[in-house]
Amino acid sequence: MKIVLVEAKGAERSAIRSMLEKRQETVYAFSKGQDAWSFIEQTPDINIIIVSLNDEGMSGLEICWNARILAEQRKGMYVIAISGEDNDDMLVEALDSGADDYLQRPLQEEILLARLRVAERMIVLQQQLVQLANHDSLTELLNRRAFFEHADLELSDPEKSPSIHAIMFDIDHFKRVNDSFGHDAGDQVIRTVAKIAQAEGDLIGRLGGEEFAMILSDQSMLGAARSAERMRETIENTPILINGHRIEITSSFGVASYQDGDSVDALLKRADIALYRSKNEGRNRVSVDRPHKSVIEDDYKAACNIRQKSRA
């Protein structure tokens, strides 16, 4: 675990740090609350904050409050407040300000370390809950809700948004796989397509059934179309063997680029329209959003070596 310790008194800070380092913890110790908070904001993998409530400057209560807000974004963060006051009001204020636990001085090493073990269990449980809440259990890709949340953050960045592209794709005739070979085979097909897609980008979601979406940044439309073509070709050339059966699949793709003022819904809708054009024109192909089609079509065909196949 990575722990930030905020304690103004040098002797107290050294003693607590020594206790923590006996457990091989990584400890970042600060005497000033503002310095500690600047470090926490810039360091995304901090797990535990141990903060004295009696420090001057940025108070321990302020750190508790700010950490609770930050934890809504990062998840898996645990705050332990320390005070020398044997005061129920201080306990209530600390917990109301966002602390997860509260210790009184003088600190006893065995109690501090026991509370750390509790913190670790809570952090692991929280991370597991976040994983379950945000990811599709079959593919481990982002689920629909989490994908839209992450995509919205990408589009909200004015530096990234002009170079953002969306790819929508699904598996051609997926119902036939389930009907012919069973749902276990269908699940294996979906997992295979998800794994292939992960080679092209990080922001990928399974929107439902056999339908997927991807957001690419720092790309031209041609670059995004090439990514889609690589996925299409790899899927086509990756047979799946299940119970002695060789299953060959194809997928259809639609690509759209960000336009000024786009919401995630608007961007994905244009990619979805391009996807349905691929379906209507024979499947197993990549189509791009029509405003770009005449501009890049010849370059795209040459660069990607698209084979216009029709597979009903």
C-alpha atoms as a PDB file:
ATOM      1  CA  MET A   1       0.000   0.000   0.000  1.00  0.00           C
ATOM      2  CA  LYS A   2       1.081   3.615  -0.593  1.00  0.00           C
ATOM      3  CA  ILE A   3       0.446   5.785   2.453  1.00  0.00           C
ATOM      4  CA  VAL A   4       0.573   9.564   2.891  1.00  0.00           C
ATOM      5  CA  LEU A   5       1.291  10.634   6.475  1.00  0.00           C
ATOM      6  CA  VAL A   6       0.537  14.225   7.521  1.00  0.00           C
ATOM      7  CA  GLU A   7       1.949  15.170  10.927  1.00  0.00           C
ATOM      8  CA  ALA A   8       3.462  18.526  11.908  1.00  0.00           C
ATOM      9  CA  LYS A   9       5.461  17.279  14.890  1.00  0.00           C
ATOM     10  CA  GLY A  10       8.754  15.795  13.786  1.00  0.00           C
ATOM     11  CA  ALA A  11       9.065  13.245  16.602  1.00  0.00           C
ATOM     12  CA  GLU A  12       5.490  12.008  16.126  1.00  0.00           C
ATOM     13  CA  ARG A  13       5.959  11.841  12.363  1.00  0.00           C
ATOM     14  CA  SER A  14       9.151   9.771  12.682  1.00  0.00           C
ATOM     15  CA  ALA A  15       7.556   7.398  15.196  1.00  0.00           C
ATOM     16  CA  ILE A  16       4.465   6.750  13.038  1.00  0.00           C
ATOM     17  CA  ARG A  17       6.559   6.359   9.908  1.00  0.00           C
ATOM     18  CA  SER A  18       8.729   3.801  11.667  1.00  0.00           C
ATOM     19  CA  MET A  19       5.645   1.797  12.686  1.00  0.00           C
ATOM     20  CA  LEU A  20       4.368   1.785   9.116  1.00  0.00           C
ATOM     21  CA  GLU A  21       7.668   0.888   7.494  1.00  0.00           C
ATOM     22  CA  LYS A  22       7.949  -2.199   9.691  1.00  0.00           C
ATOM     23  CA  ARG A  23       5.146  -3.585   7.485  1.00  0.00           C
ATOM     24  CA  GLN A  24       7.116  -2.731   4.337  1.00  0.00           C
ATOM     25  CA  GLU A  25       4.655   0.014   3.473  1.00  0.00           C
ATOM     26  CA  THR A  26       5.622   2.851   1.108  1.00  0.00           C
ATOM     27  CA  VAL A  27       5.259   5.988   3.228  1.00  0.00           C
ATOM     28  CA  TYR A  28       5.304   9.621   2.074  1.00  0.00           C
ATOM     29  CA  ALA A  29       5.558  11.828   5.170  1.00  0.00           C
ATOM     30  CA  PHE A  30       4.730  15.542   5.239  1.00  0.00           C
ATOM     31  CA  SER A  31       4.787  18.195   7.924  1.00  0.00           C
ATOM     32  CA  LYS A  32       2.425  20.579   6.111  1.00  0.00           C
ATOM     33  CA  GLY A  33      -1.077  19.753   4.986  1.00  0.00           C
ATOM     34  CA  GLN A  34      -0.900  21.812   1.782  1.00  0.00           C
ATOM     35  CA  ASP A  35       2.278  20.050   0.633  1.00  0.00           C
ATOM     36  CA  ALA A  36       0.690  16.686   1.379  1.00  0.00           C
ATOM     37  CA  TRP A  37      -2.464  17.548  -0.517  1.00  0.00           C
ATOM     38  CA  SER A  38      -0.557  18.769  -3.586  1.00  0.00           C
ATOM     39  CA  PHE A  39       1.283  15.435  -3.627  1.00  0.00           C
ATOM     40  CA  ILE A  40      -1.964  13.452  -3.233  1.00  0.00           C
ATOM     41  CA  GLU A  41      -3.570  15.292  -6.149  1.00  0.00           C
ATOM     42  CA  GLN A  42      -0.590  14.553  -8.394  1.00  0.00           C
ATOM     43  CA  THR A  43      -0.190  10.898  -7.328  1.00  0.00           C
ATOM     44  CA  PRO A  44      -3.103   8.740  -8.501  1.00  0.00           C
ATOM     45  CA  ASP A  45      -2.249   5.503  -6.661  1.00  0.00           C
ATOM     46  CA  ILE A  46      -2.321   6.684  -3.033  1.00  0.00           C
ATOM     47  CA  ASN A  47      -4.308   4.139  -0.999  1.00  0.00           C
ATOM     48  CA  ILE A  48      -4.277   5.427   2.601  1.00  0.00           C
ATOM     49  CA  ILE A  49      -4.029   8.876   4.175  1.00  0.00           C
ATOM     50  CA  ILE A  50      -3.127   9.196   7.857  1.00  0.00           C
ATOM     51  CA  VAL A  51      -3.628  12.778   8.954  1.00  0.00           C
ATOM     52  CA  SER A  52      -3.323  14.665  12.235  1.00  0.00           C
ATOM     53  CA  LEU A  53      -6.322  16.895  12.951  1.00  0.00           C
ATOM     54  CA  ASN A  54      -4.276  19.377  14.974  1.00  0.00           C
ATOM     55  CA  ASP A  55      -1.884  20.676  12.344  1.00  0.00           C
ATOM     56  CA  GLU A  56      -1.680  24.318  11.379  1.00  0.00           C
ATOM     57  CA  GLY A  57      -2.206  25.577   7.840  1.00  0.00           C
ATOM     58  CA  MET A  58      -4.417  23.315   5.759  1.00  0.00           C
ATOM     59  CA  SER A  59      -6.230  21.454   8.522  1.00  0.00           C
ATOM     60  CA  GLY A  60      -6.585  17.724   8.853  1.00  0.00           C
ATOM     61  CA  LEU A  61     -10.345  18.141   8.569  1.00  0.00           C
ATOM     62  CA  GLU A  62      -9.880  19.915   5.224  1.00  0.00           C
ATOM     63  CA  ILE A  63      -7.746  17.040   3.978  1.00  0.00           C
ATOM     64  CA  CYS A  64     -10.396  14.550   5.106  1.00  0.00           C
ATOM     65  CA  TRP A  65     -13.054  16.494   3.217  1.00  0.00           C
ATOM     66  CA  ASN A  66     -10.986  16.923   0.038  1.00  0.00           C
ATOM     67  CA  ALA A  67      -9.923  13.277   0.099  1.00  0.00           C
ATOM     68  CA  ARG A  68     -13.514  12.103   0.270  1.00  0.00           C
ATOM     69  CA  ILE A  69     -14.332  14.183  -2.846  1.00  0.00           C
ATOM     70  CA  LEU A  70     -11.248  12.858  -4.660  1.00  0.00           C
ATOM     71  CA  ALA A  71     -12.097   9.286  -3.674  1.00  0.00           C
ATOM     72  CA  GLU A  72     -15.316   9.567  -5.702  1.00  0.00           C
ATOM     73  CA  GLN A  73     -13.110   9.675  -8.798  1.00  0.00           C
ATOM     74  CA  ARG A  74     -10.274   7.358  -7.787  1.00  0.00           C
ATOM     75  CA  LYS A  75     -12.033   4.834  -5.548  1.00  0.00           C
ATOM     76  CA  GLY A  76     -10.037   2.680  -3.144  1.00  0.00           C
ATOM     77  CA  MET A  77      -8.862   5.468  -0.794  1.00  0.00           C
ATOM     78  CA  TYR A  78      -9.032   5.215   3.012  1.00  0.00           C
ATOM     79  CA  VAL A  79      -8.524   8.088   5.488  1.00  0.00           C
ATOM     80  CA  ILE A  80      -7.460   7.653   9.119  1.00  0.00           C
ATOM     81  CA  ALA A  81      -7.630  10.763  11.322  1.00  0.00           C
ATOM     82  CA  ILE A  82      -5.484  11.168  14.445  1.00  0.00           C
ATOM     83  CA  SER A  83      -6.212  13.511  17.341  1.00  0.00           C
ATOM     84  CA  GLY A  84      -5.052  13.957  20.896  1.00  0.00           C
ATOM     85  CA  GLU A  85      -8.428  15.183  22.040  1.00  0.00           C
ATOM     86  CA  ASP A  86     -10.606  12.752  23.943  1.00  0.00           C
ATOM     87  CA  ASN A  87     -13.643  14.463  22.526  1.00  0.00           C
ATOM     88  CA  ASP A  88     -16.751  12.896  20.988  1.00  0.00           C
ATOM     89  CA  ASP A  89     -17.446  16.091  19.057  1.00  0.00           C
ATOM     90  CA  MET A  90     -14.042  15.857  17.365  1.00  0.00           C
ATOM     91  CA  LEU A  91     -14.738  12.218  16.481  1.00  0.00           C
ATOM     92  CA  VAL A  92     -18.080  13.137  14.907  1.00  0.00           C
ATOM     93  CA  GLU A  93     -16.559  16.062  13.015  1.00  0.00           C
ATOM     94  CA  ALA A  94     -13.733  13.939  11.640  1.00  0.00           C
ATOM     95  CA  LEU A  95     -16.062  11.191  10.427  1.00  0.00           C
ATOM     96  CA  ASP A  96     -18.529  13.725   8.998  1.00  0.00           C
ATOM     97  CA  SER A  97     -15.630  15.410   7.174  1.00  0.00           C
ATOM     98  CA  GLY A  98     -14.784  12.185   5.352  1.00  0.00           C
ATOM     99  CA  ALA A  99     -12.491  10.180   7.621  1.00  0.00           C
ATOM    100  CA  ASP A 100     -13.041   6.419   7.532  1.00  0.00           C
ATOM    101  CA  ASP A 101     -11.437   5.786  10.908  1.00  0.00           C
ATOM    102  CA  TYR A 102     -10.230   7.745  13.949  1.00  0.00           C
ATOM    103  CA  LEU A 103      -7.370   7.195  16.389  1.00  0.00           C
ATOM    104  CA  GLN A 104      -6.466   9.010  19.577  1.00  0.00           C
ATOM    105  CA  ARG A 105      -3.035   9.740  20.958  1.00  0.00           C
ATOM    106  CA  PRO A 106      -0.947   8.279  22.393  1.00  0.00           C
ATOM    107  CA  LEU A 107      -0.869   5.842  19.471  1.00  0.00           C
ATOM    108  CA  GLN A 108      -0.319   2.178  20.205  1.00  0.00           C
ATOM    109  CA  GLU A 109       1.534   0.380  17.448  1.00  0.00           C
ATOM    110  CA  GLU A 110      -0.580  -2.783  17.528  1.00  0.00           C
ATOM    111  CA  ILE A 111      -3.791  -0.750  17.280  1.00  0.00           C
ATOM    112  CA  LEU A 112      -2.477   1.363  14.383  1.00  0.00           C
ATOM    113  CA  LEU A 113      -1.364  -1.729  12.473  1.00  0.00           C
ATOM    114  CA  ALA A 114      -4.677  -3.481  13.156  1.00  0.00           C
ATOM    115  CA  ARG A 115      -6.525  -0.470  11.728  1.00  0.00           C
ATOM    116  CA  LEU A 116      -4.267  -0.626   8.669  1.00  0.00           C
ATOM    117  CA  ARG A 117      -5.274  -4.231   8.118  1.00  0.00           C
ATOM    118  CA  VAL A 118      -8.915  -3.151   8.259  1.00  0.00           C
ATOM    119  CA  ALA A 119      -8.126  -0.376   5.757  1.00  0.00           C
ATOM    120  CA  GLU A 120      -6.509  -2.839   3.359  1.00  0.00           C
ATOM    121  CA  ARG A 121      -9.517  -5.155   3.472  1.00  0.00           C
ATOM    122  CA  MET A 122     -11.877  -2.256   2.804  1.00  0.00           C
ATOM    123  CA  ILE A 123      -9.781  -0.984  -0.088  1.00  0.00           C
ATOM    124  CA  VAL A 124      -9.681  -4.426  -1.729  1.00  0.00           C
ATOM    125  CA  LEU A 125     -13.448  -4.803  -1.317  1.00  0.00           C
ATOM    126  CA  GLN A 126     -14.067  -1.352  -2.760  1.00  0.00           C
ATOM    127  CA  GLN A 127     -11.836  -2.055  -5.755  1.00  0.00           C
ATOM    128  CA  GLN A 128     -13.660  -5.333  -6.357  1.00  0.00           C
ATOM    129  CA  LEU A 129     -17.012  -3.548  -6.222  1.00  0.00           C
ATOM    130  CA  VAL A 130     -15.777  -0.914  -8.663  1.00  0.00           C
ATOM    131  CA  GLN A 131     -14.580  -3.662 -11.009  1.00  0.00           C
ATOM    132  CA  LEU A 132     -17.970  -5.382 -10.858  1.00  0.00           C
ATOM    133  CA  ALA A 133     -19.872  -2.113 -11.277  1.00  0.00           C
ATOM    134  CA  ASN A 134     -17.853  -0.825 -14.242  1.00  0.00           C
ATOM    135  CA  HIS A 135     -16.885  -3.897 -16.230  1.00  0.00           C
ATOM    136  CA  ASP A 136     -18.659  -6.519 -18.263  1.00  0.00           C
ATOM    137  CA  SER A 137     -18.228  -9.850 -16.511  1.00  0.00           C
ATOM    138  CA  LEU A 138     -17.816 -11.854 -19.740  1.00  0.00           C
ATOM    139  CA  THR A 139     -15.148  -9.750 -21.484  1.00  0.00           C
ATOM    140  CA  GLU A 140     -13.832  -7.507 -18.673  1.00  0.00           C
ATOM    141  CA  LEU A 141     -14.348  -4.548 -21.011  1.00  0.00           C
ATOM    142  CA  LEU A 142     -16.117  -1.469 -19.703  1.00  0.00           C
ATOM    143  CA  ASN A 143     -19.872  -1.928 -19.475  1.00  0.00           C
ATOM    144  CA  ARG A 144     -22.243   0.490 -21.199  1.00  0.00           C
ATOM    145  CA  ARG A 145     -22.574   2.950 -18.299  1.00  0.00           C
ATOM    146  CA  ALA A 146     -18.855   3.081 -17.527  1.00  0.00           C
ATOM    147  CA  PHE A 147     -17.945   3.388 -21.209  1.00  0.00           C
ATOM    148  CA  PHE A 148     -20.177   6.428 -21.614  1.00  0.00           C
ATOM    149  CA  GLU A 149     -18.706   8.001 -18.460  1.00  0.00           C
ATOM    150  CA  HIS A 150     -15.125   7.517 -19.677  1.00  0.00           C
ATOM    151  CA  ALA A 151     -15.983   8.672 -23.205  1.00  0.00           C
ATOM    152  CA  ASP A 152     -17.646  11.799 -21.828  1.00  0.00           C
ATOM    153  CA  LEU A 153     -14.432  12.653 -19.956  1.00  0.00           C
ATOM    154  CA  GLU A 154     -12.441  12.264 -23.171  1.00  0.00           C
ATOM    155  CA  LEU A 155     -14.764  14.537 -25.120  1.00  0.00           C
ATOM    156  CA  SER A 156     -14.694  17.163 -22.351  1.00  0.00           C
ATOM    157  CA  ASP A 157     -10.953  17.715 -22.846  1.00  0.00           C
ATOM    158  CA  PRO A 158     -10.663  20.576 -25.378  1.00  0.00           C
ATOM    159  CA  GLU A 159      -7.138  19.518 -26.335  1.00  0.00           C
ATOM    160  CA  LYS A 160      -8.130  15.928 -27.123  1.00  0.00           C
ATOM    161  CA  SER A 161     -11.612  16.299 -28.566  1.00  0.00           C
ATOM    162  CA  PRO A 162     -10.691  17.507 -32.094  1.00  0.00           C
ATOM    163  CA  SER A 163      -8.685  14.314 -32.690  1.00  0.00           C
ATOM    164  CA  ILE A 164     -11.187  11.871 -31.162  1.00  0.00           C
ATOM    165  CA  HIS A 165     -12.881   9.172 -33.245  1.00  0.00           C
ATOM    166  CA  ALA A 166     -15.475   6.550 -32.426  1.00  0.00           C
ATOM    167  CA  ILE A 167     -15.709   3.017 -33.798  1.00  0.00           C
ATOM    168  CA  MET A 168     -18.890   0.983 -33.507  1.00  0.00           C
ATOM    169  CA  PHE A 169     -18.778  -2.688 -34.443  1.00  0.00           C
ATOM    170  CA  ASP A 170     -20.638  -5.926 -33.982  1.00  0.00           C
ATOM    171  CA  ILE A 171     -20.377  -9.586 -34.914  1.00  0.00           C
ATOM    172  CA  ASP A 172     -22.075 -10.579 -38.155  1.00  0.00           C
ATOM    173  CA  HIS A 173     -24.873 -13.143 -37.854  1.00  0.00           C
ATOM    174  CA  PHE A 174     -24.091 -13.753 -34.194  1.00  0.00           C
ATOM    175  CA  LYS A 175     -27.478 -15.391 -33.592  1.00  0.00           C
ATOM    176  CA  ARG A 176     -26.467 -18.196 -35.955  1.00  0.00           C
ATOM    177  CA  VAL A 177     -23.498 -19.006 -33.715  1.00  0.00           C
ATOM    178  CA  ASN A 178     -25.729 -19.362 -30.666  1.00  0.00           C
ATOM    179  CA  ASP A 179     -28.349 -21.324 -32.570  1.00  0.00           C
ATOM    180  CA  SER A 180     -25.850 -23.689 -34.201  1.00  0.00           C
ATOM    181  CA  PHE A 181     -23.272 -24.218 -31.466  1.00  0.00           C
ATOM    182  CA  GLY A 182     -24.864 -23.048 -28.227  1.00  0.00           C
ATOM    183  CA  HIS A 183     -24.435 -20.073 -25.916  1.00  0.00           C
ATOM    184  CA  ASP A 184     -21.081 -21.272 -24.566  1.00  0.00           C
ATOM    185  CA  ALA A 185     -19.707 -21.002 -28.085  1.00  0.00           C
ATOM    186  CA  GLY A 186     -21.291 -17.573 -28.432  1.00  0.00           C
ATOM    187  CA  ASP A 187     -19.590 -16.448 -25.223  1.00  0.00           C
ATOM    188  CA  GLN A 188     -16.227 -17.651 -26.523  1.00  0.00           C
ATOM    189  CA  VAL A 189     -16.755 -15.733 -29.767  1.00  0.00           C
ATOM    190  CA  ILE A 190     -17.532 -12.549 -27.842  1.00  0.00           C
ATOM    191  CA  ARG A 191     -14.457 -12.968 -25.634  1.00  0.00           C
ATOM    192  CA  THR A 192     -12.275 -13.517 -28.712  1.00  0.00           C
ATOM    193  CA  VAL A 193     -13.527 -10.360 -30.421  1.00  0.00           C
ATOM    194  CA  ALA A 194     -13.044  -8.361 -27.208  1.00  0.00           C
ATOM    195  CA  LYS A 195      -9.436  -9.538 -26.908  1.00  0.00           C
ATOM    196  CA  ILE A 196      -8.710  -8.593 -30.517  1.00  0.00           C
ATOM    197  CA  ALA A 197     -10.210  -5.148 -29.987  1.00  0.00           C
ATOM    198  CA  GLN A 198      -8.041  -4.526 -26.913  1.00  0.00           C
ATOM    199  CA  ALA A 199      -4.966  -4.585 -29.137  1.00  0.00           C
ATOM    200  CA  GLU A 200      -6.204  -1.389 -30.848  1.00  0.00           C
ATOM    201  CA  GLY A 201      -7.142   0.778 -27.878  1.00  0.00           C
ATOM    202  CA  ASP A 202      -7.880   1.094 -24.181  1.00  0.00           C
ATOM    203  CA  LEU A 203     -11.261   2.821 -24.163  1.00  0.00           C
ATOM    204  CA  ILE A 204     -13.518  -0.020 -25.299  1.00  0.00           C
ATOM    205  CA  GLY A 205     -16.958  -0.994 -24.093  1.00  0.00           C
ATOM    206  CA  ARG A 206     -19.346  -3.853 -24.633  1.00  0.00           C
ATOM    207  CA  LEU A 207     -22.612  -2.009 -25.093  1.00  0.00           C
ATOM    208  CA  GLY A 208     -24.746  -5.141 -25.076  1.00  0.00           C
ATOM    209  CA  GLY A 209     -24.954  -8.534 -26.749  1.00  0.00           C
ATOM    210  CA  GLU A 210     -22.477  -8.637 -29.633  1.00  0.00           C
ATOM    211  CA  GLU A 211     -22.182  -4.831 -29.954  1.00  0.00           C
ATOM    212  CA  PHE A 212     -18.994  -2.943 -29.049  1.00  0.00           C
ATOM    213  CA  ALA A 213     -17.768   0.657 -29.118  1.00  0.00           C
ATOM    214  CA  MET A 214     -14.302   2.196 -29.023  1.00  0.00           C
ATOM    215  CA  ILE A 215     -13.003   5.736 -28.580  1.00  0.00           C
ATOM    216  CA  LEU A 216      -9.622   6.597 -30.121  1.00  0.00           C
ATOM    217  CA  SER A 217      -7.801   9.863 -29.451  1.00  0.00           C
ATOM    218  CA  ASP A 218      -4.821  11.487 -31.185  1.00  0.00           C
ATOM    219  CA  GLN A 219      -5.939   9.958 -34.470  1.00  0.00           C
ATOM    220  CA  SER A 220      -6.889  11.116 -37.936  1.00  0.00           C
ATOM    221  CA  MET A 221      -9.984   9.676 -39.560  1.00  0.00           C
ATOM    222  CA  LEU A 222      -7.717   7.608 -41.779  1.00  0.00           C
ATOM    223  CA  GLY A 223      -5.843   6.296 -38.731  1.00  0.00           C
ATOM    224  CA  ALA A 224      -9.090   5.329 -37.023  1.00  0.00           C
ATOM    225  CA  ALA A 225     -10.304   3.594 -40.191  1.00  0.00           C
ATOM    226  CA  ARG A 226      -7.040   1.662 -40.359  1.00  0.00           C
ATOM    227  CA  SER A 227      -7.537   0.527 -36.753  1.00  0.00           C
ATOM    228  CA  ALA A 228     -11.019  -0.697 -37.626  1.00  0.00           C
ATOM    229  CA  GLU A 229      -9.675  -2.505 -40.689  1.00  0.00           C
ATOM    230  CA  ARG A 230      -6.984  -4.258 -38.656  1.00  0.00           C
ATOM    231  CA  MET A 231      -9.623  -5.504 -36.239  1.00  0.00           C
ATOM    232  CA  ARG A 232     -11.894  -6.594 -39.076  1.00  0.00           C
ATOM    233  CA  GLU A 233      -9.112  -8.538 -40.782  1.00  0.00           C
ATOM    234  CA  THR A 234      -7.873 -10.164 -37.561  1.00  0.00           C
ATOM    235  CA  ILE A 235     -11.380 -11.272 -36.594  1.00  0.00           C
ATOM    236  CA  GLU A 236     -11.936 -12.742 -40.041  1.00  0.00           C
ATOM    237  CA  ASN A 237      -8.650 -14.660 -39.855  1.00  0.00           C
ATOM    238  CA  THR A 238      -9.069 -15.978 -36.299  1.00  0.00           C
ATOM    239  CA  PRO A 239     -11.066 -19.236 -36.346  1.00  0.00           C
ATOM    240  CA  ILE A 240     -12.438 -20.413 -33.011  1.00  0.00           C
ATOM    241  CA  LEU A 241     -12.299 -24.103 -32.161  1.00  0.00           C
ATOM    242  CA  ILE A 242     -15.031 -25.319 -29.800  1.00  0.00           C
ATOM    243  CA  ASN A 243     -15.792 -28.994 -29.157  1.00  0.00           C
ATOM    244  CA  GLY A 244     -14.225 -29.987 -32.445  1.00  0.00           C
ATOM    245  CA  HIS A 245     -16.106 -27.328 -34.414  1.00  0.00           C
ATOM    246  CA  ARG A 246     -14.272 -24.623 -36.339  1.00  0.00           C
ATOM    247  CA  ILE A 247     -16.243 -21.386 -36.111  1.00  0.00           C
ATOM    248  CA  GLU A 248     -15.347 -18.587 -38.515  1.00  0.00           C
ATOM    249  CA  ILE A 249     -16.778 -15.149 -37.859  1.00  0.00           C
ATOM    250  CA  THR A 250     -16.713 -11.686 -39.362  1.00  0.00           C
ATOM    251  CA  SER A 251     -17.586  -8.250 -38.033  1.00  0.00           C
ATOM    252  CA  SER A 252     -18.850  -4.989 -39.460  1.00  0.00           C
ATOM    253  CA  PHE A 253     -17.551  -1.537 -38.477  1.00  0.00           C
ATOM    254  CA  GLY A 254     -18.559   2.116 -38.563  1.00  0.00           C
ATOM    255  CA  VAL A 255     -16.185   5.016 -37.906  1.00  0.00           C
ATOM    256  CA  ALA A 256     -17.018   8.654 -37.108  1.00  0.00           C
ATOM    257  CA  SER A 257     -14.929  11.636 -36.037  1.00  0.00           C
ATOM    258  CA  TYR A 258     -15.682  14.228 -33.378  1.00  0.00           C
ATOM    259  CA  GLN A 259     -17.470  17.349 -34.550  1.00  0.00           C
ATOM    260  CA  ASP A 260     -17.502  20.580 -32.573  1.00  0.00           C
ATOM    261  CA  GLY A 261     -20.056  20.385 -29.774  1.00  0.00           C
ATOM    262  CA  ASP A 262     -20.588  16.629 -30.059  1.00  0.00           C
ATOM    263  CA  SER A 263     -21.965  14.664 -27.132  1.00  0.00           C
ATOM    264  CA  VAL A 264     -20.978  11.021 -26.780  1.00  0.00           C
ATOM    265  CA  ASP A 265     -24.456  10.057 -28.013  1.00  0.00           C
ATOM    266  CA  ALA A 266     -24.129  12.202 -31.139  1.00  0.00           C
ATOM    267  CA  LEU A 267     -20.677  10.856 -31.987  1.00  0.00           C
ATOM    268  CA  LEU A 268     -21.683   7.228 -31.486  1.00  0.00           C
ATOM    269  CA  LYS A 269     -24.894   7.730 -33.456  1.00  0.00           C
ATOM    270  CA  ARG A 270     -22.924   8.730 -36.556  1.00  0.00           C
ATOM    271  CA  ALA A 271     -20.596   5.766 -36.075  1.00  0.00           C
ATOM    272  CA  ASP A 272     -23.658   3.530 -35.706  1.00  0.00           C
ATOM    273  CA  ILE A 273     -25.122   4.867 -38.962  1.00  0.00           C
ATOM    274  CA  ALA A 274     -21.831   4.032 -40.689  1.00  0.00           C
ATOM    275  CA  LEU A 275     -21.945   0.548 -39.109  1.00  0.00           C
ATOM    276  CA  TYR A 276     -25.407  -0.089 -40.529  1.00  0.00           C
ATOM    277  CA  ARG A 277     -24.191   0.992 -43.941  1.00  0.00           C
ATOM    278  CA  SER A 278     -21.544  -1.739 -43.651  1.00  0.00           C
ATOM    279  CA  LYS A 279     -24.321  -4.196 -42.806  1.00  0.00           C
ATOM    280  CA  ASN A 280     -26.471  -3.088 -45.706  1.00  0.00           C
ATOM    281  CA  GLU A 281     -23.581  -3.256 -48.176  1.00  0.00           C
ATOM    282  CA  GLY A 282     -22.745  -6.882 -47.398  1.00  0.00           C
ATOM    283  CA  ARG A 283     -21.111  -6.995 -43.937  1.00  0.00           C
ATOM    284  CA  ASN A 284     -17.460  -7.749 -43.064  1.00  0.00           C
ATOM    285  CA  ARG A 285     -16.335  -4.272 -43.982  1.00  0.00           C
ATOM    286  CA  VAL A 286     -15.529  -0.814 -42.601  1.00  0.00           C
ATOM    287  CA  SER A 287     -17.617   2.245 -43.427  1.00  0.00           C
ATOM    288  CA  VAL A 288     -16.816   5.815 -42.437  1.00  0.00           C
ATOM    289  CA  ASP A 289     -19.067   8.714 -41.562  1.00  0.00           C
ATOM    290  CA  ARG A 290     -20.371  10.171 -44.839  1.00  0.00           C
ATOM    291  CA  PRO A 291     -18.929  13.723 -44.468  1.00  0.00           C
ATOM    292  CA  HIS A 292     -15.480  12.096 -44.714  1.00  0.00           C
ATOM    293  CA  LYS A 293     -16.260   9.351 -47.187  1.00  0.00           C
ATOM    294  CA  SER A 294     -15.400  11.191 -50.403  1.00  0.00           C
ATOM    295  CA  VAL A 295     -12.290  12.747 -48.840  1.00  0.00           C
ATOM    296  CA  ILE A 296     -10.551   9.603 -47.630  1.00  0.00           C
ATOM    297  CA  GLU A 297     -12.201   6.719 -49.457  1.00  0.00           C
ATOM    298  CA  ASP A 298      -9.493   6.209 -52.100  1.00  0.00           C
ATOM    299  CA  ASP A 299      -6.599   6.663 -49.626  1.00  0.00           C
ATOM    300  CA  TYR A 300      -8.320   4.392 -47.126  1.00  0.00           C
ATOM    301  CA  LYS A 301      -8.853   1.591 -49.639  1.00  0.00           C
ATOM    302  CA  ALA A 302      -5.248   1.766 -50.745  1.00  0.00           C
ATOM    303  CA  ALA A 303      -3.796   1.992 -47.241  1.00  0.00           C
ATOM    304  CA  CYS A 304      -5.947  -0.711 -45.689  1.00  0.00           C
ATOM    305  CA  ASN A 305      -6.232  -2.974 -48.731  1.00  0.00           C
ATOM    306  CA  ILE A 306      -9.944  -3.377 -48.108  1.00  0.00           C
ATOM    307  CA  ARG A 307     -11.511  -6.366 -49.734  1.00  0.00           C
ATOM    308  CA  GLN A 308     -15.130  -5.582 -50.394  1.00  0.00           C
ATOM    309  CA  LYS A 309     -16.633  -8.931 -49.465  1.00  0.00           C
ATOM    310  CA  SER A 310     -20.264  -9.745 -49.091  1.00  0.00           C
ATOM    311  CA  ARG A 311     -21.156 -12.433 -46.589  1.00  0.00           C
ATOM    312  CA  ALA A 312     -24.841 -12.817 -46.024  1.00  0.00           C
END
